[in-house]
Amino acid sequence: MDLNLLVAFDALMRERSVTRAGLRIGRTQPAMSAALARLRHLLKDELFVRSAAGLRPTPRATELAEPITAALAQLQQTLAFTQPFEPASSTATFTLALSDHPALVTLPRLVPLLAKAAPGVTLRVKAFTAREDAVAMLDAGQADAAVGVPGSATPRILTAPMFSEPFVCVLRRGHAQAKRRLTLERFLAMDHLLVSPEGDGVGLVDLKLAEQGLQRRVALRLPQLFAATAVVTRSDLMATLMVGAVQASGLGDQLVLLPPPLAVDEVPFVLHWHRRSDALASQRWFREQVLAVGRALVAERALQAAAPKIAR
């Protein structure tokens, strides 16, 4: 078995496309097609079949994917440990998995940071909603690191704190309630916008209200966080959002921020990575860049707390 065939198999599993798999490992489409033909012959299985969504792995390919990925990762780490990582000259590709909110607040800071320190590096971003999806990506080697909310402890997944986000209530400027103190009674009397990536989820605010036997009217549920502030600027809806999303929207001058009339805990975000990549020099460097963005956000939050701009 030619080791290059296993590299090709791993790329096909990750990309589910002959063309994209070839780009991933620097091989032409004909070369990738030839590698797939050889793999099918050697393993006596179709391995990948075409579907509307791209190449779909067969049960045999799925069975082989995890041990092959793990073996290649171990070999790569063994060789990489002997070489220093030079960010200024590196052409490495790093894949970062991000849930919706961290993508909005970290990417505008992370991209220029990487461009300055390592201009030849490529950043790939993958989206996820549930933390279990991020863990699956890390297990499969589909992501080098992930930023999301903490979950249950898993020995193979390591974490480091990034930042935490407080909630604010947001109204458009000129709204009849914008200059009034936001009491719980007025809060409950309004129509609300809820950001729910799953489409039918219950927000933290609703859980807090339910503890008191209360309920608000949710007039609009959105799966996309980035659209929430734009909708609020053109409607009479109120949204209760993490403050970072409002600041990152670029629409702050069209909005009024009010303290929530009930206690809602800040949401912590952490960096996740797999234990197998913990000591790899390139991965350690990449994680440090992501964590530096988290430290910058924490510093900004501290300044904002010293000079609050939220309406009282």
C-alpha atoms as a PDB file:
ATOM      1  CA  MET A   1       0.000   0.000   0.000  1.00  0.00           C
ATOM      2  CA  ASP A   2       1.432   3.350  -1.097  1.00  0.00           C
ATOM      3  CA  LEU A   3       1.182   5.803   1.804  1.00  0.00           C
ATOM      4  CA  ASN A   4       0.159   8.511  -0.658  1.00  0.00           C
ATOM      5  CA  LEU A   5      -3.036   6.581  -1.315  1.00  0.00           C
ATOM      6  CA  LEU A   6      -3.963   6.853   2.352  1.00  0.00           C
ATOM      7  CA  VAL A   7      -3.342  10.603   2.218  1.00  0.00           C
ATOM      8  CA  ALA A   8      -5.653  10.776  -0.796  1.00  0.00           C
ATOM      9  CA  PHE A   9      -8.285   8.686   1.010  1.00  0.00           C
ATOM     10  CA  ASP A  10      -8.144  11.002   4.026  1.00  0.00           C
ATOM     11  CA  ALA A  11      -8.554  14.073   1.815  1.00  0.00           C
ATOM     12  CA  LEU A  12     -11.543  12.510   0.036  1.00  0.00           C
ATOM     13  CA  MET A  13     -13.183  11.720   3.373  1.00  0.00           C
ATOM     14  CA  ARG A  14     -12.723  15.298   4.536  1.00  0.00           C
ATOM     15  CA  GLU A  15     -13.768  17.077   1.339  1.00  0.00           C
ATOM     16  CA  ARG A  16     -16.231  14.617  -0.293  1.00  0.00           C
ATOM     17  CA  SER A  17     -15.072  15.977  -3.652  1.00  0.00           C
ATOM     18  CA  VAL A  18     -12.269  14.806  -5.960  1.00  0.00           C
ATOM     19  CA  THR A  19     -11.466  18.396  -7.002  1.00  0.00           C
ATOM     20  CA  ARG A  20     -11.401  19.860  -3.479  1.00  0.00           C
ATOM     21  CA  ALA A  21      -9.489  16.857  -2.131  1.00  0.00           C
ATOM     22  CA  GLY A  22      -6.839  17.397  -4.805  1.00  0.00           C
ATOM     23  CA  LEU A  23      -6.518  21.072  -3.891  1.00  0.00           C
ATOM     24  CA  ARG A  24      -6.193  20.126  -0.238  1.00  0.00           C
ATOM     25  CA  ILE A  25      -3.123  17.931  -0.800  1.00  0.00           C
ATOM     26  CA  GLY A  26      -1.697  19.592  -3.916  1.00  0.00           C
ATOM     27  CA  ARG A  27      -2.658  17.000  -6.532  1.00  0.00           C
ATOM     28  CA  THR A  28      -4.486  17.371  -9.842  1.00  0.00           C
ATOM     29  CA  GLN A  29      -7.996  16.029 -10.391  1.00  0.00           C
ATOM     30  CA  PRO A  30      -6.750  13.245 -12.751  1.00  0.00           C
ATOM     31  CA  ALA A  31      -4.183  12.202 -10.136  1.00  0.00           C
ATOM     32  CA  MET A  32      -6.882  12.069  -7.463  1.00  0.00           C
ATOM     33  CA  SER A  33      -9.171  10.054  -9.728  1.00  0.00           C
ATOM     34  CA  ALA A  34      -6.333   7.608 -10.401  1.00  0.00           C
ATOM     35  CA  ALA A  35      -5.624   7.324  -6.661  1.00  0.00           C
ATOM     36  CA  LEU A  36      -9.293   6.569  -5.996  1.00  0.00           C
ATOM     37  CA  ALA A  37      -9.288   3.897  -8.693  1.00  0.00           C
ATOM     38  CA  ARG A  38      -6.234   2.248  -7.107  1.00  0.00           C
ATOM     39  CA  LEU A  39      -7.809   2.405  -3.650  1.00  0.00           C
ATOM     40  CA  ARG A  40     -10.977   0.752  -4.969  1.00  0.00           C
ATOM     41  CA  HIS A  41      -8.917  -2.013  -6.528  1.00  0.00           C
ATOM     42  CA  LEU A  42      -6.742  -2.620  -3.461  1.00  0.00           C
ATOM     43  CA  LEU A  43      -9.587  -2.459  -0.938  1.00  0.00           C
ATOM     44  CA  LYS A  44     -12.168  -4.165  -3.171  1.00  0.00           C
ATOM     45  CA  ASP A  45     -14.847  -1.611  -2.410  1.00  0.00           C
ATOM     46  CA  GLU A  46     -16.345   1.408  -4.204  1.00  0.00           C
ATOM     47  CA  LEU A  47     -15.402   3.543  -1.141  1.00  0.00           C
ATOM     48  CA  PHE A  48     -17.160   6.654  -2.493  1.00  0.00           C
ATOM     49  CA  VAL A  49     -20.312   6.944  -4.597  1.00  0.00           C
ATOM     50  CA  ARG A  50     -21.700  10.054  -6.218  1.00  0.00           C
ATOM     51  CA  SER A  51     -24.762  11.771  -4.737  1.00  0.00           C
ATOM     52  CA  ALA A  52     -26.491  15.143  -5.020  1.00  0.00           C
ATOM     53  CA  ALA A  53     -24.438  16.354  -2.046  1.00  0.00           C
ATOM     54  CA  GLY A  54     -21.100  15.158  -3.438  1.00  0.00           C
ATOM     55  CA  LEU A  55     -19.199  11.943  -2.800  1.00  0.00           C
ATOM     56  CA  ARG A  56     -20.842   9.742  -0.181  1.00  0.00           C
ATOM     57  CA  PRO A  57     -18.587   7.225   1.628  1.00  0.00           C
ATOM     58  CA  THR A  58     -19.615   3.585   1.691  1.00  0.00           C
ATOM     59  CA  PRO A  59     -19.871   1.717   5.016  1.00  0.00           C
ATOM     60  CA  ARG A  60     -16.401   0.273   4.344  1.00  0.00           C
ATOM     61  CA  ALA A  61     -14.922   3.752   3.821  1.00  0.00           C
ATOM     62  CA  THR A  62     -16.573   5.010   6.994  1.00  0.00           C
ATOM     63  CA  GLU A  63     -15.127   2.057   8.877  1.00  0.00           C
ATOM     64  CA  LEU A  64     -11.616   2.826   7.589  1.00  0.00           C
ATOM     65  CA  ALA A  65     -11.777   6.611   8.060  1.00  0.00           C
ATOM     66  CA  GLU A  66     -11.053   6.919  11.767  1.00  0.00           C
ATOM     67  CA  PRO A  67      -8.026   4.572  11.993  1.00  0.00           C
ATOM     68  CA  ILE A  68      -6.486   5.981   8.814  1.00  0.00           C
ATOM     69  CA  THR A  69      -6.944   9.589   9.962  1.00  0.00           C
ATOM     70  CA  ALA A  70      -5.504   8.770  13.381  1.00  0.00           C
ATOM     71  CA  ALA A  71      -2.502   6.956  11.872  1.00  0.00           C
ATOM     72  CA  LEU A  72      -1.709   9.817   9.480  1.00  0.00           C
ATOM     73  CA  ALA A  73      -2.077  12.390  12.266  1.00  0.00           C
ATOM     74  CA  GLN A  74       0.295  10.430  14.499  1.00  0.00           C
ATOM     75  CA  LEU A  75       2.852  10.135  11.707  1.00  0.00           C
ATOM     76  CA  GLN A  76       2.557  13.838  10.878  1.00  0.00           C
ATOM     77  CA  GLN A  77       3.071  14.805  14.513  1.00  0.00           C
ATOM     78  CA  THR A  78       6.056  12.477  14.835  1.00  0.00           C
ATOM     79  CA  LEU A  79       7.762  14.168  11.883  1.00  0.00           C
ATOM     80  CA  ALA A  80       6.644  17.693  12.800  1.00  0.00           C
ATOM     81  CA  PHE A  81       8.092  17.493  16.306  1.00  0.00           C
ATOM     82  CA  THR A  82      11.564  17.425  14.755  1.00  0.00           C
ATOM     83  CA  GLN A  83      11.038  20.696  12.875  1.00  0.00           C
ATOM     84  CA  PRO A  84      10.620  24.216  14.291  1.00  0.00           C
ATOM     85  CA  PHE A  85       7.597  26.214  13.175  1.00  0.00           C
ATOM     86  CA  GLU A  86       8.371  29.489  11.436  1.00  0.00           C
ATOM     87  CA  PRO A  87       5.131  31.463  11.030  1.00  0.00           C
ATOM     88  CA  ALA A  88       6.658  34.163   8.829  1.00  0.00           C
ATOM     89  CA  SER A  89       7.558  31.623   6.112  1.00  0.00           C
ATOM     90  CA  SER A  90       4.864  29.012   6.708  1.00  0.00           C
ATOM     91  CA  THR A  91       2.255  28.086   4.101  1.00  0.00           C
ATOM     92  CA  ALA A  92       0.277  25.883   6.490  1.00  0.00           C
ATOM     93  CA  THR A  93      -3.512  25.690   6.504  1.00  0.00           C
ATOM     94  CA  PHE A  94      -5.293  25.908   9.852  1.00  0.00           C
ATOM     95  CA  THR A  95      -8.939  24.990  10.276  1.00  0.00           C
ATOM     96  CA  LEU A  96     -10.952  26.693  13.003  1.00  0.00           C
ATOM     97  CA  ALA A  97     -14.468  25.563  13.898  1.00  0.00           C
ATOM     98  CA  LEU A  98     -16.669  28.392  15.165  1.00  0.00           C
ATOM     99  CA  SER A  99     -20.192  28.656  16.455  1.00  0.00           C
ATOM    100  CA  ASP A 100     -22.173  31.670  15.292  1.00  0.00           C
ATOM    101  CA  HIS A 101     -21.322  34.242  17.953  1.00  0.00           C
ATOM    102  CA  PRO A 102     -17.540  33.611  18.174  1.00  0.00           C
ATOM    103  CA  ALA A 103     -17.345  33.833  14.381  1.00  0.00           C
ATOM    104  CA  LEU A 104     -18.898  37.286  14.493  1.00  0.00           C
ATOM    105  CA  VAL A 105     -16.667  38.690  17.234  1.00  0.00           C
ATOM    106  CA  THR A 106     -13.336  36.890  16.726  1.00  0.00           C
ATOM    107  CA  LEU A 107     -12.777  36.674  12.970  1.00  0.00           C
ATOM    108  CA  PRO A 108     -12.479  40.450  12.354  1.00  0.00           C
ATOM    109  CA  ARG A 109      -9.622  40.432  14.886  1.00  0.00           C
ATOM    110  CA  LEU A 110      -8.043  37.080  14.059  1.00  0.00           C
ATOM    111  CA  VAL A 111      -7.701  37.536  10.283  1.00  0.00           C
ATOM    112  CA  PRO A 112      -5.467  40.651  10.412  1.00  0.00           C
ATOM    113  CA  LEU A 113      -3.479  39.130  13.278  1.00  0.00           C
ATOM    114  CA  LEU A 114      -2.641  36.059  11.176  1.00  0.00           C
ATOM    115  CA  ALA A 115      -1.970  38.149   8.071  1.00  0.00           C
ATOM    116  CA  LYS A 116       0.642  40.185   9.940  1.00  0.00           C
ATOM    117  CA  ALA A 117       2.394  37.325  11.723  1.00  0.00           C
ATOM    118  CA  ALA A 118       2.125  34.652   9.016  1.00  0.00           C
ATOM    119  CA  PRO A 119       1.181  36.110   5.610  1.00  0.00           C
ATOM    120  CA  GLY A 120       1.475  32.744   3.852  1.00  0.00           C
ATOM    121  CA  VAL A 121      -0.863  30.896   6.199  1.00  0.00           C
ATOM    122  CA  THR A 122      -4.399  29.970   5.108  1.00  0.00           C
ATOM    123  CA  LEU A 123      -7.298  29.996   7.564  1.00  0.00           C
ATOM    124  CA  ARG A 124     -10.295  27.746   6.930  1.00  0.00           C
ATOM    125  CA  VAL A 125     -13.439  28.217   8.999  1.00  0.00           C
ATOM    126  CA  LYS A 126     -16.062  25.553   9.632  1.00  0.00           C
ATOM    127  CA  ALA A 127     -19.387  26.237  11.312  1.00  0.00           C
ATOM    128  CA  PHE A 128     -21.063  24.203  14.012  1.00  0.00           C
ATOM    129  CA  THR A 129     -24.049  24.618  16.321  1.00  0.00           C
ATOM    130  CA  ALA A 130     -23.859  21.929  18.998  1.00  0.00           C
ATOM    131  CA  ARG A 131     -20.650  21.384  20.988  1.00  0.00           C
ATOM    132  CA  GLU A 132     -20.863  17.668  20.139  1.00  0.00           C
ATOM    133  CA  ASP A 133     -20.399  18.636  16.481  1.00  0.00           C
ATOM    134  CA  ALA A 134     -17.186  20.494  17.355  1.00  0.00           C
ATOM    135  CA  VAL A 135     -15.887  17.493  19.290  1.00  0.00           C
ATOM    136  CA  ALA A 136     -16.665  15.242  16.319  1.00  0.00           C
ATOM    137  CA  MET A 137     -14.710  17.589  14.015  1.00  0.00           C
ATOM    138  CA  LEU A 138     -11.721  17.549  16.378  1.00  0.00           C
ATOM    139  CA  ASP A 139     -11.880  13.757  16.719  1.00  0.00           C
ATOM    140  CA  ALA A 140     -11.978  13.330  12.934  1.00  0.00           C
ATOM    141  CA  GLY A 141      -9.171  15.817  12.322  1.00  0.00           C
ATOM    142  CA  GLN A 142     -11.528  18.084  10.383  1.00  0.00           C
ATOM    143  CA  ALA A 143     -10.666  21.052  12.619  1.00  0.00           C
ATOM    144  CA  ASP A 144      -7.511  22.038  14.456  1.00  0.00           C
ATOM    145  CA  ALA A 145      -9.382  23.969  17.130  1.00  0.00           C
ATOM    146  CA  ALA A 146     -12.887  25.158  17.933  1.00  0.00           C
ATOM    147  CA  VAL A 147     -14.388  28.096  19.813  1.00  0.00           C
ATOM    148  CA  GLY A 148     -17.723  27.595  21.545  1.00  0.00           C
ATOM    149  CA  VAL A 149     -19.403  27.226  24.902  1.00  0.00           C
ATOM    150  CA  PRO A 150     -17.980  24.770  27.438  1.00  0.00           C
ATOM    151  CA  GLY A 151     -19.410  21.269  27.674  1.00  0.00           C
ATOM    152  CA  SER A 152     -18.992  18.151  29.727  1.00  0.00           C
ATOM    153  CA  ALA A 153     -15.380  17.223  30.485  1.00  0.00           C
ATOM    154  CA  THR A 154     -13.764  14.927  27.916  1.00  0.00           C
ATOM    155  CA  PRO A 155     -10.166  13.775  28.580  1.00  0.00           C
ATOM    156  CA  ARG A 156      -9.174  13.824  24.928  1.00  0.00           C
ATOM    157  CA  ILE A 157     -10.488  17.385  24.390  1.00  0.00           C
ATOM    158  CA  LEU A 158      -8.497  20.185  26.051  1.00  0.00           C
ATOM    159  CA  THR A 159      -9.840  23.684  26.678  1.00  0.00           C
ATOM    160  CA  ALA A 160      -8.701  27.201  27.562  1.00  0.00           C
ATOM    161  CA  PRO A 161     -10.946  30.181  28.430  1.00  0.00           C
ATOM    162  CA  MET A 162     -11.459  32.809  25.738  1.00  0.00           C
ATOM    163  CA  PHE A 163     -13.969  35.425  26.906  1.00  0.00           C
ATOM    164  CA  SER A 164     -17.479  35.784  28.315  1.00  0.00           C
ATOM    165  CA  GLU A 165     -20.386  37.807  26.995  1.00  0.00           C
ATOM    166  CA  PRO A 166     -23.048  39.727  28.961  1.00  0.00           C
ATOM    167  CA  PHE A 167     -26.532  40.266  27.550  1.00  0.00           C
ATOM    168  CA  VAL A 168     -28.166  43.567  26.627  1.00  0.00           C
ATOM    169  CA  CYS A 169     -31.641  44.435  25.398  1.00  0.00           C
ATOM    170  CA  VAL A 170     -31.629  46.198  22.053  1.00  0.00           C
ATOM    171  CA  LEU A 171     -34.158  48.582  20.493  1.00  0.00           C
ATOM    172  CA  ARG A 172     -33.994  50.856  17.467  1.00  0.00           C
ATOM    173  CA  ARG A 173     -33.342  54.518  18.106  1.00  0.00           C
ATOM    174  CA  GLY A 174     -36.635  56.390  18.093  1.00  0.00           C
ATOM    175  CA  HIS A 175     -38.572  53.477  19.588  1.00  0.00           C
ATOM    176  CA  ALA A 176     -41.249  54.630  22.025  1.00  0.00           C
ATOM    177  CA  GLN A 177     -39.644  52.620  24.837  1.00  0.00           C
ATOM    178  CA  ALA A 178     -36.039  53.582  24.051  1.00  0.00           C
ATOM    179  CA  LYS A 179     -35.862  56.456  26.578  1.00  0.00           C
ATOM    180  CA  ARG A 180     -37.836  54.771  29.345  1.00  0.00           C
ATOM    181  CA  ARG A 181     -36.459  52.629  32.119  1.00  0.00           C
ATOM    182  CA  LEU A 182     -36.884  49.013  31.100  1.00  0.00           C
ATOM    183  CA  THR A 183     -38.921  47.332  33.798  1.00  0.00           C
ATOM    184  CA  LEU A 184     -39.899  43.684  33.731  1.00  0.00           C
ATOM    185  CA  GLU A 185     -43.499  44.682  33.065  1.00  0.00           C
ATOM    186  CA  ARG A 186     -42.540  46.748  30.018  1.00  0.00           C
ATOM    187  CA  PHE A 187     -40.170  44.002  28.861  1.00  0.00           C
ATOM    188  CA  LEU A 188     -42.965  41.411  28.909  1.00  0.00           C
ATOM    189  CA  ALA A 189     -45.364  43.753  27.101  1.00  0.00           C
ATOM    190  CA  MET A 190     -43.103  43.978  24.037  1.00  0.00           C
ATOM    191  CA  ASP A 191     -42.716  41.748  20.992  1.00  0.00           C
ATOM    192  CA  HIS A 192     -39.336  40.020  20.924  1.00  0.00           C
ATOM    193  CA  LEU A 193     -36.814  38.638  18.452  1.00  0.00           C
ATOM    194  CA  LEU A 194     -35.090  35.397  19.470  1.00  0.00           C
ATOM    195  CA  VAL A 195     -31.910  34.123  17.831  1.00  0.00           C
ATOM    196  CA  SER A 196     -32.109  30.328  17.802  1.00  0.00           C
ATOM    197  CA  PRO A 197     -29.705  28.432  15.512  1.00  0.00           C
ATOM    198  CA  GLU A 198     -31.909  25.336  15.757  1.00  0.00           C
ATOM    199  CA  GLY A 199     -34.992  27.372  14.803  1.00  0.00           C
ATOM    200  CA  ASP A 200     -37.170  26.182  17.676  1.00  0.00           C
ATOM    201  CA  GLY A 201     -34.872  26.487  20.694  1.00  0.00           C
ATOM    202  CA  VAL A 202     -35.594  28.238  23.972  1.00  0.00           C
ATOM    203  CA  GLY A 203     -33.399  31.181  24.928  1.00  0.00           C
ATOM    204  CA  LEU A 204     -31.689  31.752  28.263  1.00  0.00           C
ATOM    205  CA  VAL A 205     -34.065  34.648  28.873  1.00  0.00           C
ATOM    206  CA  ASP A 206     -37.078  32.362  28.440  1.00  0.00           C
ATOM    207  CA  LEU A 207     -35.612  29.866  30.904  1.00  0.00           C
ATOM    208  CA  LYS A 208     -35.122  32.640  33.468  1.00  0.00           C
ATOM    209  CA  LEU A 209     -38.673  33.872  32.938  1.00  0.00           C
ATOM    210  CA  ALA A 210     -40.046  30.338  33.254  1.00  0.00           C
ATOM    211  CA  GLU A 211     -38.445  30.084  36.711  1.00  0.00           C
ATOM    212  CA  GLN A 212     -40.766  32.914  37.752  1.00  0.00           C
ATOM    213  CA  GLY A 213     -43.778  31.501  35.930  1.00  0.00           C
ATOM    214  CA  LEU A 214     -43.524  34.225  33.261  1.00  0.00           C
ATOM    215  CA  GLN A 215     -43.420  34.174  29.470  1.00  0.00           C
ATOM    216  CA  ARG A 216     -42.630  36.723  26.776  1.00  0.00           C
ATOM    217  CA  ARG A 217     -44.061  36.900  23.257  1.00  0.00           C
ATOM    218  CA  VAL A 218     -41.494  35.908  20.630  1.00  0.00           C
ATOM    219  CA  ALA A 219     -42.697  37.398  17.358  1.00  0.00           C
ATOM    220  CA  LEU A 220     -39.666  36.363  15.291  1.00  0.00           C
ATOM    221  CA  ARG A 221     -37.217  33.462  15.551  1.00  0.00           C
ATOM    222  CA  LEU A 222     -34.003  33.786  13.560  1.00  0.00           C
ATOM    223  CA  PRO A 223     -31.354  31.127  12.971  1.00  0.00           C
ATOM    224  CA  GLN A 224     -28.785  33.764  11.893  1.00  0.00           C
ATOM    225  CA  LEU A 225     -27.252  35.973  14.555  1.00  0.00           C
ATOM    226  CA  PHE A 226     -25.820  38.490  12.078  1.00  0.00           C
ATOM    227  CA  ALA A 227     -29.321  39.442  10.856  1.00  0.00           C
ATOM    228  CA  ALA A 228     -30.751  40.225  14.294  1.00  0.00           C
ATOM    229  CA  THR A 229     -29.484  43.777  14.747  1.00  0.00           C
ATOM    230  CA  ALA A 230     -30.427  44.758  11.185  1.00  0.00           C
ATOM    231  CA  VAL A 231     -33.993  43.552  11.788  1.00  0.00           C
ATOM    232  CA  VAL A 232     -34.215  45.481  15.068  1.00  0.00           C
ATOM    233  CA  THR A 233     -33.150  48.754  13.392  1.00  0.00           C
ATOM    234  CA  ARG A 234     -36.160  48.479  11.046  1.00  0.00           C
ATOM    235  CA  SER A 235     -38.833  47.177  13.401  1.00  0.00           C
ATOM    236  CA  ASP A 236     -40.385  47.634  16.833  1.00  0.00           C
ATOM    237  CA  LEU A 237     -39.013  44.317  18.036  1.00  0.00           C
ATOM    238  CA  MET A 238     -36.726  44.003  21.043  1.00  0.00           C
ATOM    239  CA  ALA A 239     -33.809  41.569  20.985  1.00  0.00           C
ATOM    240  CA  THR A 240     -31.796  40.366  23.959  1.00  0.00           C
ATOM    241  CA  LEU A 241     -28.349  39.726  22.550  1.00  0.00           C
ATOM    242  CA  MET A 242     -24.795  39.220  23.717  1.00  0.00           C
ATOM    243  CA  VAL A 243     -23.122  42.619  23.702  1.00  0.00           C
ATOM    244  CA  GLY A 244     -20.340  41.501  21.356  1.00  0.00           C
ATOM    245  CA  ALA A 245     -22.843  40.775  18.604  1.00  0.00           C
ATOM    246  CA  VAL A 246     -24.203  44.313  18.829  1.00  0.00           C
ATOM    247  CA  GLN A 247     -20.733  45.857  18.749  1.00  0.00           C
ATOM    248  CA  ALA A 248     -19.653  43.706  15.808  1.00  0.00           C
ATOM    249  CA  SER A 249     -22.763  44.535  13.789  1.00  0.00           C
ATOM    250  CA  GLY A 250     -21.639  48.068  12.892  1.00  0.00           C
ATOM    251  CA  LEU A 251     -25.169  49.291  13.670  1.00  0.00           C
ATOM    252  CA  GLY A 252     -24.545  50.519  17.205  1.00  0.00           C
ATOM    253  CA  ASP A 253     -25.355  54.127  16.322  1.00  0.00           C
ATOM    254  CA  GLN A 254     -28.850  53.057  15.226  1.00  0.00           C
ATOM    255  CA  LEU A 255     -29.587  51.112  18.392  1.00  0.00           C
ATOM    256  CA  VAL A 256     -30.294  51.751  22.059  1.00  0.00           C
ATOM    257  CA  LEU A 257     -28.844  49.296  24.564  1.00  0.00           C
ATOM    258  CA  LEU A 258     -30.690  48.710  27.826  1.00  0.00           C
ATOM    259  CA  PRO A 259     -29.814  46.515  30.809  1.00  0.00           C
ATOM    260  CA  PRO A 260     -32.062  43.423  30.974  1.00  0.00           C
ATOM    261  CA  PRO A 261     -34.730  43.696  33.694  1.00  0.00           C
ATOM    262  CA  LEU A 262     -33.838  40.223  34.985  1.00  0.00           C
ATOM    263  CA  ALA A 263     -30.551  38.566  35.875  1.00  0.00           C
ATOM    264  CA  VAL A 264     -29.109  36.616  32.934  1.00  0.00           C
ATOM    265  CA  ASP A 265     -25.707  35.000  33.403  1.00  0.00           C
ATOM    266  CA  GLU A 266     -22.865  35.877  31.068  1.00  0.00           C
ATOM    267  CA  VAL A 267     -22.061  33.197  28.479  1.00  0.00           C
ATOM    268  CA  PRO A 268     -18.481  31.864  28.611  1.00  0.00           C
ATOM    269  CA  PHE A 269     -16.632  30.840  25.460  1.00  0.00           C
ATOM    270  CA  VAL A 270     -13.606  28.549  25.398  1.00  0.00           C
ATOM    271  CA  LEU A 271     -11.075  27.248  22.912  1.00  0.00           C
ATOM    272  CA  HIS A 272     -11.222  23.468  22.351  1.00  0.00           C
ATOM    273  CA  TRP A 273      -8.520  21.298  20.790  1.00  0.00           C
ATOM    274  CA  HIS A 274      -7.642  17.623  20.641  1.00  0.00           C
ATOM    275  CA  ARG A 275      -5.024  16.212  22.992  1.00  0.00           C
ATOM    276  CA  ARG A 276      -3.162  14.585  20.095  1.00  0.00           C
ATOM    277  CA  SER A 277      -2.215  18.036  18.711  1.00  0.00           C
ATOM    278  CA  ASP A 278      -1.389  19.603  22.066  1.00  0.00           C
ATOM    279  CA  ALA A 279       2.409  19.524  21.701  1.00  0.00           C
ATOM    280  CA  LEU A 280       2.651  20.200  17.955  1.00  0.00           C
ATOM    281  CA  ALA A 281       4.577  23.467  17.459  1.00  0.00           C
ATOM    282  CA  SER A 282       2.443  24.811  14.601  1.00  0.00           C
ATOM    283  CA  GLN A 283      -0.769  24.029  16.452  1.00  0.00           C
ATOM    284  CA  ARG A 284       0.494  25.632  19.648  1.00  0.00           C
ATOM    285  CA  TRP A 285       1.315  28.779  17.698  1.00  0.00           C
ATOM    286  CA  PHE A 286      -2.097  28.851  16.041  1.00  0.00           C
ATOM    287  CA  ARG A 287      -3.914  28.367  19.339  1.00  0.00           C
ATOM    288  CA  GLU A 288      -1.901  31.213  20.866  1.00  0.00           C
ATOM    289  CA  GLN A 289      -3.128  33.549  18.105  1.00  0.00           C
ATOM    290  CA  VAL A 290      -6.743  32.595  18.780  1.00  0.00           C
ATOM    291  CA  LEU A 291      -6.259  32.985  22.538  1.00  0.00           C
ATOM    292  CA  ALA A 292      -4.654  36.402  21.967  1.00  0.00           C
ATOM    293  CA  VAL A 293      -7.903  37.500  20.341  1.00  0.00           C
ATOM    294  CA  GLY A 294      -9.758  36.276  23.429  1.00  0.00           C
ATOM    295  CA  ARG A 295      -7.454  38.280  25.694  1.00  0.00           C
ATOM    296  CA  ALA A 296      -8.039  41.389  23.588  1.00  0.00           C
ATOM    297  CA  LEU A 297     -11.794  40.945  23.911  1.00  0.00           C
ATOM    298  CA  VAL A 298     -11.499  40.552  27.687  1.00  0.00           C
ATOM    299  CA  ALA A 299      -9.455  43.784  27.851  1.00  0.00           C
ATOM    300  CA  GLU A 300     -12.095  45.606  25.800  1.00  0.00           C
ATOM    301  CA  ARG A 301     -14.847  44.346  28.119  1.00  0.00           C
ATOM    302  CA  ALA A 302     -12.887  45.651  31.118  1.00  0.00           C
ATOM    303  CA  LEU A 303     -12.630  49.118  29.546  1.00  0.00           C
ATOM    304  CA  GLN A 304     -16.322  49.113  28.754  1.00  0.00           C
ATOM    305  CA  ALA A 305     -17.156  48.152  32.315  1.00  0.00           C
ATOM    306  CA  ALA A 306     -15.103  51.107  33.561  1.00  0.00           C
ATOM    307  CA  ALA A 307     -16.976  53.485  31.235  1.00  0.00           C
ATOM    308  CA  PRO A 308     -20.374  51.900  30.493  1.00  0.00           C
ATOM    309  CA  LYS A 309     -22.323  53.127  27.497  1.00  0.00           C
ATOM    310  CA  ILE A 310     -25.498  51.174  28.159  1.00  0.00           C
ATOM    311  CA  ALA A 311     -28.467  53.476  28.753  1.00  0.00           C
ATOM    312  CA  ARG A 312     -29.690  53.721  32.317  1.00  0.00           C
END
